Amino acid sequence: MEALGLILLAGAAYLLWRGRAPRGCPRCGLPRALALEVLRHRRFCLHVAFRACPFDPRRGLYRQRR
């Protein structure tokens, strides 16, 4: 019983140490892989209503529109 508790505690500590995965797009909340597909014009972003989302997930910032 103590070993099971120790394993669960170590697992919880590992998850807290690793942290959360970074979100792909802070505006629409798409995961990073889907935000990269929007960037490559392969996926439609519902939040911005056009194919090229202004958030660049590779750099983590918004692109300016001209």
PDB file of N, CA and C in Angstrom:
ATOM      1  N   MET A   1       0.822  -1.192   0.000  1.00  0.00           N
ATOM      2  CA  MET A   1       0.000   0.000   0.000  1.00  0.00           C
ATOM      3  C   MET A   1       0.868   1.260   0.000  1.00  0.00           C
ATOM      4  N   GLU A   2       1.976   1.199   0.730  1.00  0.00           N
ATOM      5  CA  GLU A   2       2.859   2.367   0.752  1.00  0.00           C
ATOM      6  C   GLU A   2       3.520   2.584  -0.614  1.00  0.00           C
ATOM      7  N   ALA A   3       3.824   1.475  -1.299  1.00  0.00           N
ATOM      8  CA  ALA A   3       4.466   1.593  -2.599  1.00  0.00           C
ATOM      9  C   ALA A   3       3.520   2.235  -3.618  1.00  0.00           C
ATOM     10  N   LEU A   4       2.244   1.873  -3.556  1.00  0.00           N
ATOM     11  CA  LEU A   4       1.265   2.460  -4.464  1.00  0.00           C
ATOM     12  C   LEU A   4       1.128   3.959  -4.218  1.00  0.00           C
ATOM     13  N   GLY A   5       1.081   4.352  -2.962  1.00  0.00           N
ATOM     14  CA  GLY A   5       1.000   5.770  -2.620  1.00  0.00           C
ATOM     15  C   GLY A   5       2.228   6.534  -3.078  1.00  0.00           C
ATOM     16  N   LEU A   6       3.395   5.907  -2.938  1.00  0.00           N
ATOM     17  CA  LEU A   6       4.633   6.541  -3.369  1.00  0.00           C
ATOM     18  C   LEU A   6       4.676   6.698  -4.891  1.00  0.00           C
ATOM     19  N   ILE A   7       4.190   5.691  -5.617  1.00  0.00           N
ATOM     20  CA  ILE A   7       4.144   5.778  -7.074  1.00  0.00           C
ATOM     21  C   ILE A   7       3.182   6.875  -7.520  1.00  0.00           C
ATOM     22  N   LEU A   8       2.018   6.961  -6.886  1.00  0.00           N
ATOM     23  CA  LEU A   8       1.055   8.016  -7.229  1.00  0.00           C
ATOM     24  C   LEU A   8       1.605   9.403  -6.913  1.00  0.00           C
ATOM     25  N   LEU A   9       2.294   9.520  -5.787  1.00  0.00           N
ATOM     26  CA  LEU A   9       2.887  10.806  -5.422  1.00  0.00           C
ATOM     27  C   LEU A   9       3.982  11.196  -6.402  1.00  0.00           C
ATOM     28  N   ALA A  10       4.801  10.238  -6.819  1.00  0.00           N
ATOM     29  CA  ALA A  10       5.855  10.527  -7.794  1.00  0.00           C
ATOM     30  C   ALA A  10       5.247  10.914  -9.143  1.00  0.00           C
ATOM     31  N   GLY A  11       4.164  10.247  -9.539  1.00  0.00           N
ATOM     32  CA  GLY A  11       3.498  10.594 -10.793  1.00  0.00           C
ATOM     33  C   GLY A  11       2.908  11.989 -10.759  1.00  0.00           C
ATOM     34  N   ALA A  12       2.292  12.354  -9.643  1.00  0.00           N
ATOM     35  CA  ALA A  12       1.725  13.696  -9.509  1.00  0.00           C
ATOM     36  C   ALA A  12       2.830  14.754  -9.515  1.00  0.00           C
ATOM     37  N   ALA A  13       3.947  14.464  -8.850  1.00  0.00           N
ATOM     38  CA  ALA A  13       5.065  15.408  -8.835  1.00  0.00           C
ATOM     39  C   ALA A  13       5.640  15.581 -10.236  1.00  0.00           C
ATOM     40  N   TYR A  14       5.714  14.491 -11.011  1.00  0.00           N
ATOM     41  CA  TYR A  14       6.224  14.582 -12.379  1.00  0.00           C
ATOM     42  C   TYR A  14       5.310  15.437 -13.258  1.00  0.00           C
ATOM     43  N   LEU A  15       3.999  15.247 -13.127  1.00  0.00           N
ATOM     44  CA  LEU A  15       3.066  16.044 -13.922  1.00  0.00           C
ATOM     45  C   LEU A  15       3.138  17.518 -13.567  1.00  0.00           C
ATOM     46  N   LEU A  16       3.300  17.836 -12.289  1.00  0.00           N
ATOM     47  CA  LEU A  16       3.423  19.230 -11.876  1.00  0.00           C
ATOM     48  C   LEU A  16       4.756  19.821 -12.325  1.00  0.00           C
ATOM     49  N   TRP A  17       5.813  19.020 -12.309  1.00  0.00           N
ATOM     50  CA  TRP A  17       7.127  19.505 -12.709  1.00  0.00           C
ATOM     51  C   TRP A  17       7.169  19.779 -14.212  1.00  0.00           C
ATOM     52  N   ARG A  18       6.534  18.903 -14.991  1.00  0.00           N
ATOM     53  CA  ARG A  18       6.542  19.040 -16.438  1.00  0.00           C
ATOM     54  C   ARG A  18       5.724  20.242 -16.891  1.00  0.00           C
ATOM     55  N   GLY A  19       4.659  20.548 -16.198  1.00  0.00           N
ATOM     56  CA  GLY A  19       3.824  21.693 -16.541  1.00  0.00           C
ATOM     57  C   GLY A  19       2.854  21.376 -17.658  1.00  0.00           C
ATOM     58  N   ARG A  20       2.047  22.354 -17.997  1.00  0.00           N
ATOM     59  CA  ARG A  20       1.064  22.188 -19.066  1.00  0.00           C
ATOM     60  C   ARG A  20       1.709  22.407 -20.415  1.00  0.00           C
ATOM     61  N   ALA A  21       1.165  21.762 -21.408  1.00  0.00           N
ATOM     62  CA  ALA A  21       1.634  21.981 -22.774  1.00  0.00           C
ATOM     63  C   ALA A  21       1.191  23.378 -23.216  1.00  0.00           C
ATOM     64  N   PRO A  22       2.045  24.090 -23.926  1.00  0.00           N
ATOM     65  CA  PRO A  22       1.655  25.434 -24.355  1.00  0.00           C
ATOM     66  C   PRO A  22       0.506  25.380 -25.355  1.00  0.00           C
ATOM     67  N   ARG A  23      -0.409  26.305 -25.215  1.00  0.00           N
ATOM     68  CA  ARG A  23      -1.522  26.380 -26.159  1.00  0.00           C
ATOM     69  C   ARG A  23      -1.015  26.855 -27.505  1.00  0.00           C
ATOM     70  N   GLY A  24      -1.648  26.387 -28.519  1.00  0.00           N
ATOM     71  CA  GLY A  24      -1.229  26.786 -29.856  1.00  0.00           C
ATOM     72  C   GLY A  24      -1.625  28.212 -30.167  1.00  0.00           C
ATOM     73  N   CYS A  25      -2.877  28.527 -29.986  1.00  0.00           N
ATOM     74  CA  CYS A  25      -3.365  29.862 -30.326  1.00  0.00           C
ATOM     75  C   CYS A  25      -4.098  30.432 -29.115  1.00  0.00           C
ATOM     76  N   PRO A  26      -3.619  31.526 -28.549  1.00  0.00           N
ATOM     77  CA  PRO A  26      -4.315  32.101 -27.389  1.00  0.00           C
ATOM     78  C   PRO A  26      -5.652  32.732 -27.750  1.00  0.00           C
ATOM     79  N   ARG A  27      -5.847  33.027 -29.024  1.00  0.00           N
ATOM     80  CA  ARG A  27      -7.092  33.672 -29.425  1.00  0.00           C
ATOM     81  C   ARG A  27      -8.237  32.682 -29.563  1.00  0.00           C
ATOM     82  N   CYS A  28      -7.978  31.562 -30.261  1.00  0.00           N
ATOM     83  CA  CYS A  28      -9.067  30.610 -30.478  1.00  0.00           C
ATOM     84  C   CYS A  28      -8.880  29.321 -29.695  1.00  0.00           C
ATOM     85  N   GLY A  29      -7.710  29.087 -29.086  1.00  0.00           N
ATOM     86  CA  GLY A  29      -7.506  27.925 -28.244  1.00  0.00           C
ATOM     87  C   GLY A  29      -7.206  26.635 -28.986  1.00  0.00           C
ATOM     88  N   LEU A  30      -6.881  26.714 -30.274  1.00  0.00           N
ATOM     89  CA  LEU A  30      -6.526  25.505 -31.007  1.00  0.00           C
ATOM     90  C   LEU A  30      -5.220  24.936 -30.457  1.00  0.00           C
ATOM     91  N   PRO A  31      -5.101  23.624 -30.401  1.00  0.00           N
ATOM     92  CA  PRO A  31      -3.810  23.032 -30.015  1.00  0.00           C
ATOM     93  C   PRO A  31      -2.723  23.416 -31.013  1.00  0.00           C
ATOM     94  N   ARG A  32      -1.484  23.283 -30.578  1.00  0.00           N
ATOM     95  CA  ARG A  32      -0.356  23.738 -31.386  1.00  0.00           C
ATOM     96  C   ARG A  32      -0.319  23.076 -32.769  1.00  0.00           C
ATOM     97  N   ALA A  33      -0.573  21.768 -32.846  1.00  0.00           N
ATOM     98  CA  ALA A  33      -0.516  21.075 -34.134  1.00  0.00           C
ATOM     99  C   ALA A  33      -1.601  21.589 -35.084  1.00  0.00           C
ATOM    100  N   LEU A  34      -2.798  21.851 -34.556  1.00  0.00           N
ATOM    101  CA  LEU A  34      -3.869  22.373 -35.411  1.00  0.00           C
ATOM    102  C   LEU A  34      -3.594  23.812 -35.823  1.00  0.00           C
ATOM    103  N   ALA A  35      -2.979  24.597 -34.939  1.00  0.00           N
ATOM    104  CA  ALA A  35      -2.633  25.971 -35.297  1.00  0.00           C
ATOM    105  C   ALA A  35      -1.578  25.989 -36.401  1.00  0.00           C
ATOM    106  N   LEU A  36      -0.669  25.011 -36.389  1.00  0.00           N
ATOM    107  CA  LEU A  36       0.300  24.914 -37.475  1.00  0.00           C
ATOM    108  C   LEU A  36      -0.375  24.556 -38.789  1.00  0.00           C
ATOM    109  N   GLU A  37      -1.415  23.729 -38.745  1.00  0.00           N
ATOM    110  CA  GLU A  37      -2.155  23.407 -39.969  1.00  0.00           C
ATOM    111  C   GLU A  37      -2.902  24.632 -40.498  1.00  0.00           C
ATOM    112  N   VAL A  38      -3.426  25.462 -39.613  1.00  0.00           N
ATOM    113  CA  VAL A  38      -4.069  26.705 -40.050  1.00  0.00           C
ATOM    114  C   VAL A  38      -3.032  27.605 -40.706  1.00  0.00           C
ATOM    115  N   LEU A  39      -1.825  27.627 -40.140  1.00  0.00           N
ATOM    116  CA  LEU A  39      -0.761  28.443 -40.698  1.00  0.00           C
ATOM    117  C   LEU A  39      -0.382  27.982 -42.099  1.00  0.00           C
ATOM    118  N   ARG A  40      -0.456  26.675 -42.343  1.00  0.00           N
ATOM    119  CA  ARG A  40      -0.136  26.128 -43.665  1.00  0.00           C
ATOM    120  C   ARG A  40      -1.337  26.131 -44.605  1.00  0.00           C
ATOM    121  N   HIS A  41      -2.412  26.762 -44.208  1.00  0.00           N
ATOM    122  CA  HIS A  41      -3.647  26.873 -44.998  1.00  0.00           C
ATOM    123  C   HIS A  41      -4.291  25.513 -45.257  1.00  0.00           C
ATOM    124  N   ARG A  42      -4.144  24.564 -44.357  1.00  0.00           N
ATOM    125  CA  ARG A  42      -4.772  23.255 -44.500  1.00  0.00           C
ATOM    126  C   ARG A  42      -6.018  23.115 -43.634  1.00  0.00           C
ATOM    127  N   ARG A  43      -6.219  24.019 -42.705  1.00  0.00           N
ATOM    128  CA  ARG A  43      -7.356  23.933 -41.795  1.00  0.00           C
ATOM    129  C   ARG A  43      -7.978  25.311 -41.652  1.00  0.00           C
ATOM    130  N   PHE A  44      -9.284  25.334 -41.469  1.00  0.00           N
ATOM    131  CA  PHE A  44     -10.037  26.572 -41.322  1.00  0.00           C
ATOM    132  C   PHE A  44     -10.130  26.938 -39.846  1.00  0.00           C
ATOM    133  N   CYS A  45      -9.837  28.164 -39.514  1.00  0.00           N
ATOM    134  CA  CYS A  45      -9.943  28.643 -38.139  1.00  0.00           C
ATOM    135  C   CYS A  45     -11.303  29.326 -37.974  1.00  0.00           C
ATOM    136  N   LEU A  46     -12.159  28.763 -37.143  1.00  0.00           N
ATOM    137  CA  LEU A  46     -13.513  29.297 -36.985  1.00  0.00           C
ATOM    138  C   LEU A  46     -13.541  30.656 -36.306  1.00  0.00           C
ATOM    139  N   HIS A  47     -12.562  30.925 -35.474  1.00  0.00           N
ATOM    140  CA  HIS A  47     -12.596  32.153 -34.688  1.00  0.00           C
ATOM    141  C   HIS A  47     -12.339  33.392 -35.532  1.00  0.00           C
ATOM    142  N   VAL A  48     -11.409  33.298 -36.466  1.00  0.00           N
ATOM    143  CA  VAL A  48     -11.063  34.480 -37.248  1.00  0.00           C
ATOM    144  C   VAL A  48     -11.752  34.520 -38.605  1.00  0.00           C
ATOM    145  N   ALA A  49     -12.447  33.430 -38.976  1.00  0.00           N
ATOM    146  CA  ALA A  49     -13.299  33.367 -40.172  1.00  0.00           C
ATOM    147  C   ALA A  49     -12.554  33.528 -41.480  1.00  0.00           C
ATOM    148  N   PHE A  50     -11.282  33.233 -41.492  1.00  0.00           N
ATOM    149  CA  PHE A  50     -10.561  33.070 -42.751  1.00  0.00           C
ATOM    150  C   PHE A  50      -9.444  32.074 -42.531  1.00  0.00           C
ATOM    151  N   ARG A  51      -8.841  31.584 -43.596  1.00  0.00           N
ATOM    152  CA  ARG A  51      -7.942  30.437 -43.480  1.00  0.00           C
ATOM    153  C   ARG A  51      -6.638  30.732 -42.757  1.00  0.00           C
ATOM    154  N   ALA A  52      -6.102  31.892 -42.864  1.00  0.00           N
ATOM    155  CA  ALA A  52      -4.816  32.197 -42.239  1.00  0.00           C
ATOM    156  C   ALA A  52      -5.043  32.892 -40.902  1.00  0.00           C
ATOM    157  N   CYS A  53      -4.894  32.162 -39.838  1.00  0.00           N
ATOM    158  CA  CYS A  53      -5.043  32.733 -38.496  1.00  0.00           C
ATOM    159  C   CYS A  53      -3.899  33.720 -38.259  1.00  0.00           C
ATOM    160  N   PRO A  54      -4.153  34.880 -37.649  1.00  0.00           N
ATOM    161  CA  PRO A  54      -3.077  35.855 -37.446  1.00  0.00           C
ATOM    162  C   PRO A  54      -2.059  35.419 -36.393  1.00  0.00           C
ATOM    163  N   PHE A  55      -2.335  34.347 -35.651  1.00  0.00           N
ATOM    164  CA  PHE A  55      -1.377  33.867 -34.658  1.00  0.00           C
ATOM    165  C   PHE A  55      -0.391  32.909 -35.317  1.00  0.00           C
ATOM    166  N   ASP A  56       0.894  33.155 -35.155  1.00  0.00           N
ATOM    167  CA  ASP A  56       1.928  32.272 -35.696  1.00  0.00           C
ATOM    168  C   ASP A  56       2.407  31.359 -34.572  1.00  0.00           C
ATOM    169  N   PRO A  57       2.049  30.061 -34.598  1.00  0.00           N
ATOM    170  CA  PRO A  57       2.399  29.179 -33.487  1.00  0.00           C
ATOM    171  C   PRO A  57       3.888  28.862 -33.413  1.00  0.00           C
ATOM    172  N   ARG A  58       4.628  29.015 -34.503  1.00  0.00           N
ATOM    173  CA  ARG A  58       6.065  28.735 -34.448  1.00  0.00           C
ATOM    174  C   ARG A  58       6.799  29.785 -33.631  1.00  0.00           C
ATOM    175  N   ARG A  59       6.373  31.034 -33.757  1.00  0.00           N
ATOM    176  CA  ARG A  59       7.020  32.120 -33.021  1.00  0.00           C
ATOM    177  C   ARG A  59       6.286  32.487 -31.742  1.00  0.00           C
ATOM    178  N   GLY A  60       5.009  32.147 -31.669  1.00  0.00           N
ATOM    179  CA  GLY A  60       4.240  32.484 -30.479  1.00  0.00           C
ATOM    180  C   GLY A  60       3.773  33.929 -30.462  1.00  0.00           C
ATOM    181  N   LEU A  61       3.588  34.528 -31.632  1.00  0.00           N
ATOM    182  CA  LEU A  61       3.134  35.917 -31.685  1.00  0.00           C
ATOM    183  C   LEU A  61       2.199  36.101 -32.861  1.00  0.00           C
ATOM    184  N   TYR A  62       1.571  37.253 -32.897  1.00  0.00           N
ATOM    185  CA  TYR A  62       0.630  37.563 -33.971  1.00  0.00           C
ATOM    186  C   TYR A  62       1.352  38.205 -35.136  1.00  0.00           C
ATOM    187  N   ARG A  63       0.963  37.828 -36.360  1.00  0.00           N
ATOM    188  CA  ARG A  63       1.501  38.465 -37.559  1.00  0.00           C
ATOM    189  C   ARG A  63       0.679  39.712 -37.857  1.00  0.00           C
ATOM    190  N   GLN A  64       1.340  40.725 -38.374  1.00  0.00           N
ATOM    191  CA  GLN A  64       0.623  41.937 -38.753  1.00  0.00           C
ATOM    192  C   GLN A  64       0.060  41.769 -40.150  1.00  0.00           C
ATOM    193  N   ARG A  65      -1.132  42.274 -40.341  1.00  0.00           N
ATOM    194  CA  ARG A  65      -1.756  42.258 -41.666  1.00  0.00           C
ATOM    195  C   ARG A  65      -1.435  43.557 -42.387  1.00  0.00           C
ATOM    196  N   ARG A  66      -1.239  43.460 -43.686  1.00  0.00           N
ATOM    197  CA  ARG A  66      -0.945  44.673 -44.461  1.00  0.00           C
ATOM    198  C   ARG A  66      -2.156  45.108 -45.217  1.00  0.00           C
TER     199      ARG A  66
END
